[in-house]
PDB file of N, CA and C in Angstrom:
ATOM      1  N   MET A   1      16.086  23.508 -24.526  1.00  0.00           N
ATOM      2  CA  MET A   1      15.370  22.767 -23.518  1.00  0.00           C
ATOM      3  C   MET A   1      15.413  23.530 -22.199  1.00  0.00           C
ATOM      4  N   ARG A   2      14.265  23.605 -21.533  1.00  0.00           N
ATOM      5  CA  ARG A   2      14.193  24.329 -20.267  1.00  0.00           C
ATOM      6  C   ARG A   2      14.721  23.474 -19.129  1.00  0.00           C
ATOM      7  N   LYS A   3      15.361  24.145 -18.185  1.00  0.00           N
ATOM      8  CA  LYS A   3      15.847  23.453 -16.996  1.00  0.00           C
ATOM      9  C   LYS A   3      14.686  23.234 -16.024  1.00  0.00           C
ATOM     10  N   LEU A   4      14.731  22.109 -15.344  1.00  0.00           N
ATOM     11  CA  LEU A   4      13.724  21.842 -14.332  1.00  0.00           C
ATOM     12  C   LEU A   4      14.007  22.654 -13.077  1.00  0.00           C
ATOM     13  N   ASP A   5      12.994  23.230 -12.538  1.00  0.00           N
ATOM     14  CA  ASP A   5      13.105  23.959 -11.280  1.00  0.00           C
ATOM     15  C   ASP A   5      12.683  22.998 -10.167  1.00  0.00           C
ATOM     16  N   PHE A   6      13.670  22.320  -9.598  1.00  0.00           N
ATOM     17  CA  PHE A   6      13.376  21.291  -8.615  1.00  0.00           C
ATOM     18  C   PHE A   6      12.720  21.835  -7.356  1.00  0.00           C
ATOM     19  N   SER A   7      13.027  23.040  -6.967  1.00  0.00           N
ATOM     20  CA  SER A   7      12.388  23.596  -5.778  1.00  0.00           C
ATOM     21  C   SER A   7      10.894  23.813  -6.019  1.00  0.00           C
ATOM     22  N   ARG A   8      10.524  24.260  -7.218  1.00  0.00           N
ATOM     23  CA  ARG A   8       9.108  24.416  -7.543  1.00  0.00           C
ATOM     24  C   ARG A   8       8.419  23.055  -7.645  1.00  0.00           C
ATOM     25  N   LEU A   9       9.110  22.086  -8.218  1.00  0.00           N
ATOM     26  CA  LEU A   9       8.561  20.748  -8.350  1.00  0.00           C
ATOM     27  C   LEU A   9       8.304  20.140  -6.975  1.00  0.00           C
ATOM     28  N   ARG A  10       9.267  20.270  -6.066  1.00  0.00           N
ATOM     29  CA  ARG A  10       9.092  19.754  -4.699  1.00  0.00           C
ATOM     30  C   ARG A  10       7.932  20.451  -4.002  1.00  0.00           C
ATOM     31  N   ALA A  11       7.858  21.750  -4.144  1.00  0.00           N
ATOM     32  CA  ALA A  11       6.783  22.511  -3.499  1.00  0.00           C
ATOM     33  C   ALA A  11       5.420  22.073  -4.024  1.00  0.00           C
ATOM     34  N   ALA A  12       5.338  21.815  -5.322  1.00  0.00           N
ATOM     35  CA  ALA A  12       4.067  21.400  -5.920  1.00  0.00           C
ATOM     36  C   ALA A  12       3.648  20.016  -5.445  1.00  0.00           C
ATOM     37  N   GLN A  13       4.608  19.155  -5.141  1.00  0.00           N
ATOM     38  CA  GLN A  13       4.293  17.801  -4.726  1.00  0.00           C
ATOM     39  C   GLN A  13       4.154  17.659  -3.212  1.00  0.00           C
ATOM     40  N   ARG A  14       4.563  18.649  -2.481  1.00  0.00           N
ATOM     41  CA  ARG A  14       4.583  18.571  -1.019  1.00  0.00           C
ATOM     42  C   ARG A  14       3.204  18.338  -0.422  1.00  0.00           C
ATOM     43  N   ASP A  15       2.209  19.107  -0.828  1.00  0.00           N
ATOM     44  CA  ASP A  15       0.870  18.986  -0.251  1.00  0.00           C
ATOM     45  C   ASP A  15       0.303  17.583  -0.446  1.00  0.00           C
ATOM     46  N   GLY A  16       0.471  17.041  -1.620  1.00  0.00           N
ATOM     47  CA  GLY A  16      -0.019  15.687  -1.886  1.00  0.00           C
ATOM     48  C   GLY A  16       0.698  14.647  -1.041  1.00  0.00           C
ATOM     49  N   ALA A  17       2.004  14.818  -0.887  1.00  0.00           N
ATOM     50  CA  ALA A  17       2.790  13.872  -0.094  1.00  0.00           C
ATOM     51  C   ALA A  17       2.397  13.941   1.388  1.00  0.00           C
ATOM     52  N   VAL A  18       2.218  15.140   1.893  1.00  0.00           N
ATOM     53  CA  VAL A  18       1.809  15.311   3.292  1.00  0.00           C
ATOM     54  C   VAL A  18       0.434  14.685   3.514  1.00  0.00           C
ATOM     55  N   SER A  19      -0.464  14.912   2.600  1.00  0.00           N
ATOM     56  CA  SER A  19      -1.806  14.341   2.703  1.00  0.00           C
ATOM     57  C   SER A  19      -1.765  12.818   2.694  1.00  0.00           C
ATOM     58  N   GLU A  20      -0.941  12.249   1.830  1.00  0.00           N
ATOM     59  CA  GLU A  20      -0.831  10.785   1.748  1.00  0.00           C
ATOM     60  C   GLU A  20      -0.264  10.200   3.039  1.00  0.00           C
ATOM     61  N   VAL A  21       0.747  10.851   3.602  1.00  0.00           N
ATOM     62  CA  VAL A  21       1.329  10.365   4.851  1.00  0.00           C
ATOM     63  C   VAL A  21       0.301  10.430   5.978  1.00  0.00           C
ATOM     64  N   LYS A  22      -0.428  11.524   6.070  1.00  0.00           N
ATOM     65  CA  LYS A  22      -1.446  11.665   7.117  1.00  0.00           C
ATOM     66  C   LYS A  22      -2.526  10.592   6.964  1.00  0.00           C
ATOM     67  N   THR A  23      -2.956  10.352   5.734  1.00  0.00           N
ATOM     68  CA  THR A  23      -3.976   9.334   5.480  1.00  0.00           C
ATOM     69  C   THR A  23      -3.472   7.967   5.907  1.00  0.00           C
ATOM     70  N   ASN A  24      -2.241   7.638   5.541  1.00  0.00           N
ATOM     71  CA  ASN A  24      -1.682   6.336   5.904  1.00  0.00           C
ATOM     72  C   ASN A  24      -1.542   6.181   7.411  1.00  0.00           C
ATOM     73  N   LEU A  25      -1.110   7.225   8.098  1.00  0.00           N
ATOM     74  CA  LEU A  25      -1.001   7.167   9.553  1.00  0.00           C
ATOM     75  C   LEU A  25      -2.363   6.955  10.201  1.00  0.00           C
ATOM     76  N   LEU A  26      -3.365   7.647   9.688  1.00  0.00           N
ATOM     77  CA  LEU A  26      -4.712   7.513  10.223  1.00  0.00           C
ATOM     78  C   LEU A  26      -5.256   6.108   9.978  1.00  0.00           C
ATOM     79  N   LEU A  27      -5.103   5.596   8.760  1.00  0.00           N
ATOM     80  CA  LEU A  27      -5.569   4.243   8.452  1.00  0.00           C
ATOM     81  C   LEU A  27      -4.827   3.209   9.292  1.00  0.00           C
ATOM     82  N   ASP A  28      -3.532   3.394   9.513  1.00  0.00           N
ATOM     83  CA  ASP A  28      -2.772   2.462  10.339  1.00  0.00           C
ATOM     84  C   ASP A  28      -3.281   2.451  11.773  1.00  0.00           C
ATOM     85  N   LYS A  29      -3.595   3.618  12.313  1.00  0.00           N
ATOM     86  CA  LYS A  29      -4.104   3.698  13.688  1.00  0.00           C
ATOM     87  C   LYS A  29      -5.481   3.052  13.793  1.00  0.00           C
ATOM     88  N   ILE A  30      -6.342   3.294  12.816  1.00  0.00           N
ATOM     89  CA  ILE A  30      -7.667   2.673  12.823  1.00  0.00           C
ATOM     90  C   ILE A  30      -7.533   1.157  12.703  1.00  0.00           C
ATOM     91  N   ALA A  31      -6.647   0.685  11.839  1.00  0.00           N
ATOM     92  CA  ALA A  31      -6.429  -0.760  11.682  1.00  0.00           C
ATOM     93  C   ALA A  31      -5.969  -1.374  12.998  1.00  0.00           C
ATOM     94  N   GLU A  32      -5.090  -0.682  13.689  1.00  0.00           N
ATOM     95  CA  GLU A  32      -4.617  -1.176  14.985  1.00  0.00           C
ATOM     96  C   GLU A  32      -5.763  -1.236  15.995  1.00  0.00           C
ATOM     97  N   THR A  33      -6.552  -0.175  16.052  1.00  0.00           N
ATOM     98  CA  THR A  33      -7.674  -0.108  16.989  1.00  0.00           C
ATOM     99  C   THR A  33      -8.713  -1.187  16.687  1.00  0.00           C
ATOM    100  N   GLU A  34      -8.972  -1.416  15.404  1.00  0.00           N
ATOM    101  CA  GLU A  34      -9.990  -2.384  14.991  1.00  0.00           C
ATOM    102  C   GLU A  34      -9.454  -3.814  14.890  1.00  0.00           C
ATOM    103  N   GLY A  35      -8.159  -3.984  15.061  1.00  0.00           N
ATOM    104  CA  GLY A  35      -7.562  -5.314  14.979  1.00  0.00           C
ATOM    105  C   GLY A  35      -7.547  -5.888  13.570  1.00  0.00           C
ATOM    106  N   ILE A  36      -7.407  -5.020  12.589  1.00  0.00           N
ATOM    107  CA  ILE A  36      -7.401  -5.459  11.190  1.00  0.00           C
ATOM    108  C   ILE A  36      -6.002  -5.958  10.832  1.00  0.00           C
ATOM    109  N   THR A  37      -5.955  -7.152  10.264  1.00  0.00           N
ATOM    110  CA  THR A  37      -4.695  -7.742   9.840  1.00  0.00           C
ATOM    111  C   THR A  37      -4.876  -8.342   8.448  1.00  0.00           C
ATOM    112  N   VAL A  38      -3.779  -8.717   7.852  1.00  0.00           N
ATOM    113  CA  VAL A  38      -3.786  -9.408   6.562  1.00  0.00           C
ATOM    114  C   VAL A  38      -3.200 -10.792   6.820  1.00  0.00           C
ATOM    115  N   SER A  39      -3.998 -11.805   6.554  1.00  0.00           N
ATOM    116  CA  SER A  39      -3.539 -13.171   6.794  1.00  0.00           C
ATOM    117  C   SER A  39      -2.524 -13.593   5.739  1.00  0.00           C
ATOM    118  N   ASP A  40      -1.784 -14.629   6.045  1.00  0.00           N
ATOM    119  CA  ASP A  40      -0.835 -15.176   5.076  1.00  0.00           C
ATOM    120  C   ASP A  40      -1.563 -15.663   3.830  1.00  0.00           C
ATOM    121  N   GLU A  41      -2.766 -16.205   4.012  1.00  0.00           N
ATOM    122  CA  GLU A  41      -3.560 -16.681   2.874  1.00  0.00           C
ATOM    123  C   GLU A  41      -3.965 -15.525   1.959  1.00  0.00           C
ATOM    124  N   GLU A  42      -4.364 -14.400   2.542  1.00  0.00           N
ATOM    125  CA  GLU A  42      -4.715 -13.224   1.744  1.00  0.00           C
ATOM    126  C   GLU A  42      -3.503 -12.710   0.977  1.00  0.00           C
ATOM    127  N   LEU A  43      -2.359 -12.680   1.639  1.00  0.00           N
ATOM    128  CA  LEU A  43      -1.130 -12.231   0.988  1.00  0.00           C
ATOM    129  C   LEU A  43      -0.747 -13.190  -0.134  1.00  0.00           C
ATOM    130  N   ASP A  44      -0.896 -14.491   0.101  1.00  0.00           N
ATOM    131  CA  ASP A  44      -0.593 -15.483  -0.936  1.00  0.00           C
ATOM    132  C   ASP A  44      -1.462 -15.285  -2.166  1.00  0.00           C
ATOM    133  N   ARG A  45      -2.760 -15.016  -1.962  1.00  0.00           N
ATOM    134  CA  ARG A  45      -3.652 -14.769  -3.096  1.00  0.00           C
ATOM    135  C   ARG A  45      -3.208 -13.542  -3.886  1.00  0.00           C
ATOM    136  N   GLU A  46      -2.806 -12.507  -3.185  1.00  0.00           N
ATOM    137  CA  GLU A  46      -2.338 -11.285  -3.845  1.00  0.00           C
ATOM    138  C   GLU A  46      -1.058 -11.558  -4.644  1.00  0.00           C
ATOM    139  N   LEU A  47      -0.171 -12.339  -4.065  1.00  0.00           N
ATOM    140  CA  LEU A  47       1.063 -12.685  -4.766  1.00  0.00           C
ATOM    141  C   LEU A  47       0.788 -13.546  -5.999  1.00  0.00           C
ATOM    142  N   GLN A  48      -0.176 -14.446  -5.887  1.00  0.00           N
ATOM    143  CA  GLN A  48      -0.526 -15.270  -7.041  1.00  0.00           C
ATOM    144  C   GLN A  48      -1.053 -14.413  -8.184  1.00  0.00           C
ATOM    145  N   LEU A  49      -1.886 -13.437  -7.858  1.00  0.00           N
ATOM    146  CA  LEU A  49      -2.390 -12.526  -8.890  1.00  0.00           C
ATOM    147  C   LEU A  49      -1.251 -11.716  -9.513  1.00  0.00           C
ATOM    148  N   ALA A  50      -0.357 -11.207  -8.668  1.00  0.00           N
ATOM    149  CA  ALA A  50       0.768 -10.417  -9.176  1.00  0.00           C
ATOM    150  C   ALA A  50       1.684 -11.272 -10.044  1.00  0.00           C
ATOM    151  N   ALA A  51       1.869 -12.524  -9.649  1.00  0.00           N
ATOM    152  CA  ALA A  51       2.726 -13.420 -10.433  1.00  0.00           C
ATOM    153  C   ALA A  51       2.104 -13.701 -11.794  1.00  0.00           C
ATOM    154  N   LEU A  52       0.799 -13.874 -11.823  1.00  0.00           N
ATOM    155  CA  LEU A  52       0.118 -14.084 -13.103  1.00  0.00           C
ATOM    156  C   LEU A  52       0.267 -12.867 -14.004  1.00  0.00           C
ATOM    157  N   GLN A  53       0.091 -11.688 -13.428  1.00  0.00           N
ATOM    158  CA  GLN A  53       0.186 -10.446 -14.204  1.00  0.00           C
ATOM    159  C   GLN A  53       1.598 -10.208 -14.731  1.00  0.00           C
ATOM    160  N   SER A  54       2.586 -10.593 -13.951  1.00  0.00           N
ATOM    161  CA  SER A  54       3.971 -10.349 -14.361  1.00  0.00           C
ATOM    162  C   SER A  54       4.591 -11.551 -15.065  1.00  0.00           C
ATOM    163  N   ASN A  55       3.796 -12.618 -15.179  1.00  0.00           N
ATOM    164  CA  ASN A  55       4.268 -13.838 -15.835  1.00  0.00           C
ATOM    165  C   ASN A  55       5.565 -14.331 -15.185  1.00  0.00           C
ATOM    166  N   GLU A  56       5.524 -14.392 -13.858  1.00  0.00           N
ATOM    167  CA  GLU A  56       6.688 -14.769 -13.063  1.00  0.00           C
ATOM    168  C   GLU A  56       6.262 -15.847 -12.072  1.00  0.00           C
ATOM    169  N   PRO A  57       7.097 -16.841 -11.816  1.00  0.00           N
ATOM    170  CA  PRO A  57       6.743 -17.845 -10.805  1.00  0.00           C
ATOM    171  C   PRO A  57       6.510 -17.191  -9.441  1.00  0.00           C
ATOM    172  N   VAL A  58       5.526 -17.694  -8.714  1.00  0.00           N
ATOM    173  CA  VAL A  58       5.155 -17.104  -7.427  1.00  0.00           C
ATOM    174  C   VAL A  58       6.349 -17.078  -6.473  1.00  0.00           C
ATOM    175  N   GLU A  59       7.082 -18.158  -6.387  1.00  0.00           N
ATOM    176  CA  GLU A  59       8.195 -18.210  -5.435  1.00  0.00           C
ATOM    177  C   GLU A  59       9.319 -17.240  -5.815  1.00  0.00           C
ATOM    178  N   ALA A  60       9.555 -17.062  -7.102  1.00  0.00           N
ATOM    179  CA  ALA A  60      10.567 -16.090  -7.535  1.00  0.00           C
ATOM    180  C   ALA A  60      10.121 -14.679  -7.158  1.00  0.00           C
ATOM    181  N   LEU A  61       8.838 -14.389  -7.354  1.00  0.00           N
ATOM    182  CA  LEU A  61       8.293 -13.080  -6.984  1.00  0.00           C
ATOM    183  C   LEU A  61       8.388 -12.871  -5.481  1.00  0.00           C
ATOM    184  N   ARG A  62       7.999 -13.889  -4.723  1.00  0.00           N
ATOM    185  CA  ARG A  62       8.054 -13.796  -3.253  1.00  0.00           C
ATOM    186  C   ARG A  62       9.488 -13.542  -2.788  1.00  0.00           C
ATOM    187  N   GLN A  63      10.449 -14.250  -3.349  1.00  0.00           N
ATOM    188  CA  GLN A  63      11.841 -14.082  -2.947  1.00  0.00           C
ATOM    189  C   GLN A  63      12.337 -12.669  -3.258  1.00  0.00           C
ATOM    190  N   ARG A  64      12.018 -12.197  -4.450  1.00  0.00           N
ATOM    191  CA  ARG A  64      12.445 -10.847  -4.844  1.00  0.00           C
ATOM    192  C   ARG A  64      11.823  -9.792  -3.931  1.00  0.00           C
ATOM    193  N   LEU A  65      10.534  -9.933  -3.669  1.00  0.00           N
ATOM    194  CA  LEU A  65       9.844  -8.956  -2.818  1.00  0.00           C
ATOM    195  C   LEU A  65      10.322  -9.026  -1.377  1.00  0.00           C
ATOM    196  N   THR A  66      10.658 -10.199  -0.913  1.00  0.00           N
ATOM    197  CA  THR A  66      11.172 -10.337   0.452  1.00  0.00           C
ATOM    198  C   THR A  66      12.519  -9.642   0.579  1.00  0.00           C
ATOM    199  N   GLN A  67      13.361  -9.788  -0.419  1.00  0.00           N
ATOM    200  CA  GLN A  67      14.696  -9.184  -0.378  1.00  0.00           C
ATOM    201  C   GLN A  67      14.658  -7.665  -0.397  1.00  0.00           C
ATOM    202  N   ASP A  68      13.734  -7.088  -1.165  1.00  0.00           N
ATOM    203  CA  ASP A  68      13.728  -5.623  -1.277  1.00  0.00           C
ATOM    204  C   ASP A  68      12.695  -4.944  -0.376  1.00  0.00           C
ATOM    205  N   GLY A  69      12.057  -5.702   0.513  1.00  0.00           N
ATOM    206  CA  GLY A  69      11.088  -5.123   1.440  1.00  0.00           C
ATOM    207  C   GLY A  69       9.707  -4.923   0.844  1.00  0.00           C
ATOM    208  N   GLY A  70       9.516  -5.343  -0.394  1.00  0.00           N
ATOM    209  CA  GLY A  70       8.239  -5.152  -1.066  1.00  0.00           C
ATOM    210  C   GLY A  70       7.108  -5.961  -0.475  1.00  0.00           C
ATOM    211  N   LEU A  71       7.425  -7.121   0.079  1.00  0.00           N
ATOM    212  CA  LEU A  71       6.395  -7.972   0.653  1.00  0.00           C
ATOM    213  C   LEU A  71       5.714  -7.288   1.835  1.00  0.00           C
ATOM    214  N   ALA A  72       6.511  -6.659   2.670  1.00  0.00           N
ATOM    215  CA  ALA A  72       5.954  -5.929   3.815  1.00  0.00           C
ATOM    216  C   ALA A  72       5.118  -4.744   3.345  1.00  0.00           C
ATOM    217  N   ARG A  73       5.572  -4.063   2.297  1.00  0.00           N
ATOM    218  CA  ARG A  73       4.805  -2.920   1.773  1.00  0.00           C
ATOM    219  C   ARG A  73       3.469  -3.388   1.198  1.00  0.00           C
ATOM    220  N   ILE A  74       3.459  -4.521   0.527  1.00  0.00           N
ATOM    221  CA  ILE A  74       2.205  -5.048  -0.024  1.00  0.00           C
ATOM    222  C   ILE A  74       1.246  -5.390   1.109  1.00  0.00           C
ATOM    223  N   ARG A  75       1.758  -6.036   2.151  1.00  0.00           N
ATOM    224  CA  ARG A  75       0.907  -6.386   3.300  1.00  0.00           C
ATOM    225  C   ARG A  75       0.329  -5.122   3.944  1.00  0.00           C
ATOM    226  N   GLU A  76       1.149  -4.091   4.103  1.00  0.00           N
ATOM    227  CA  GLU A  76       0.670  -2.840   4.695  1.00  0.00           C
ATOM    228  C   GLU A  76      -0.394  -2.182   3.815  1.00  0.00           C
ATOM    229  N   GLN A  77      -0.177  -2.175   2.512  1.00  0.00           N
ATOM    230  CA  GLN A  77      -1.150  -1.582   1.601  1.00  0.00           C
ATOM    231  C   GLN A  77      -2.466  -2.353   1.642  1.00  0.00           C
ATOM    232  N   MET A  78      -2.369  -3.675   1.707  1.00  0.00           N
ATOM    233  CA  MET A  78      -3.588  -4.489   1.798  1.00  0.00           C
ATOM    234  C   MET A  78      -4.341  -4.185   3.092  1.00  0.00           C
ATOM    235  N   LYS A  79      -3.603  -3.996   4.196  1.00  0.00           N
ATOM    236  CA  LYS A  79      -4.237  -3.675   5.476  1.00  0.00           C
ATOM    237  C   LYS A  79      -4.936  -2.324   5.397  1.00  0.00           C
ATOM    238  N   ARG A  80      -4.307  -1.367   4.742  1.00  0.00           N
ATOM    239  CA  ARG A  80      -4.927  -0.045   4.597  1.00  0.00           C
ATOM    240  C   ARG A  80      -6.185  -0.130   3.737  1.00  0.00           C
ATOM    241  N   GLU A  81      -6.142  -0.948   2.696  1.00  0.00           N
ATOM    242  CA  GLU A  81      -7.328  -1.119   1.853  1.00  0.00           C
ATOM    243  C   GLU A  81      -8.459  -1.779   2.629  1.00  0.00           C
ATOM    244  N   LYS A  82      -8.145  -2.789   3.439  1.00  0.00           N
ATOM    245  CA  LYS A  82      -9.173  -3.427   4.266  1.00  0.00           C
ATOM    246  C   LYS A  82      -9.775  -2.423   5.245  1.00  0.00           C
ATOM    247  N   THR A  83      -8.925  -1.572   5.802  1.00  0.00           N
ATOM    248  CA  THR A  83      -9.394  -0.558   6.750  1.00  0.00           C
ATOM    249  C   THR A  83     -10.299   0.450   6.053  1.00  0.00           C
ATOM    250  N   ALA A  84      -9.902   0.913   4.890  1.00  0.00           N
ATOM    251  CA  ALA A  84     -10.734   1.857   4.134  1.00  0.00           C
ATOM    252  C   ALA A  84     -12.065   1.217   3.763  1.00  0.00           C
ATOM    253  N   ASN A  85     -12.057  -0.049   3.385  1.00  0.00           N
ATOM    254  CA  ASN A  85     -13.303  -0.748   3.064  1.00  0.00           C
ATOM    255  C   ASN A  85     -14.207  -0.841   4.284  1.00  0.00           C
ATOM    256  N   LEU A  86     -13.627  -1.111   5.452  1.00  0.00           N
ATOM    257  CA  LEU A  86     -14.411  -1.166   6.683  1.00  0.00           C
ATOM    258  C   LEU A  86     -15.069   0.183   6.939  1.00  0.00           C
ATOM    259  N   LEU A  87     -14.305   1.263   6.795  1.00  0.00           N
ATOM    260  CA  LEU A  87     -14.863   2.595   7.024  1.00  0.00           C
ATOM    261  C   LEU A  87     -15.986   2.895   6.017  1.00  0.00           C
ATOM    262  N   TYR A  88     -15.782   2.491   4.778  1.00  0.00           N
ATOM    263  CA  TYR A  88     -16.793   2.714   3.747  1.00  0.00           C
ATOM    264  C   TYR A  88     -18.075   1.951   4.096  1.00  0.00           C
ATOM    265  N   GLU A  89     -17.935   0.710   4.542  1.00  0.00           N
ATOM    266  CA  GLU A  89     -19.091  -0.101   4.913  1.00  0.00           C
ATOM    267  C   GLU A  89     -19.861   0.500   6.080  1.00  0.00           C
ATOM    268  N   ARG A  90     -19.184   1.212   6.947  1.00  0.00           N
ATOM    269  CA  ARG A  90     -19.818   1.802   8.127  1.00  0.00           C
ATOM    270  C   ARG A  90     -20.452   3.168   7.856  1.00  0.00           C
ATOM    271  N   LEU A  91     -20.284   3.691   6.643  1.00  0.00           N
ATOM    272  CA  LEU A  91     -20.902   4.960   6.312  1.00  0.00           C
ATOM    273  C   LEU A  91     -22.426   4.832   6.395  1.00  0.00           C
ATOM    274  N   PRO A  92     -23.085   5.854   6.919  1.00  0.00           N
ATOM    275  CA  PRO A  92     -24.541   5.800   6.953  1.00  0.00           C
ATOM    276  C   PRO A  92     -25.105   5.826   5.531  1.00  0.00           C
ATOM    277  N   ALA A  93     -26.193   5.114   5.362  1.00  0.00           N
ATOM    278  CA  ALA A  93     -26.804   5.003   4.019  1.00  0.00           C
ATOM    279  C   ALA A  93     -27.455   6.275   3.563  1.00  0.00           C
TER     280      ALA A  93
END
């Protein structure tokens, strides 16, 4: 079995990671400028869908995600998606 070359693996993943961070920073700044937020109702709908998919009670899922910081990450991802959708809608036809 061949040994993994972690330095090569990190180097190969670096460009993608840098690009993702830059994209997220840009989307966050645009969301701030445009006043884009995710309402509690939108987050609740997302949690209900996730609970259905995972066959888990919504409140148990919410509690678990709140404890591990996942709820905030979901809200941030939803905000970035709303921002990307806004930018897409504003593209010239």
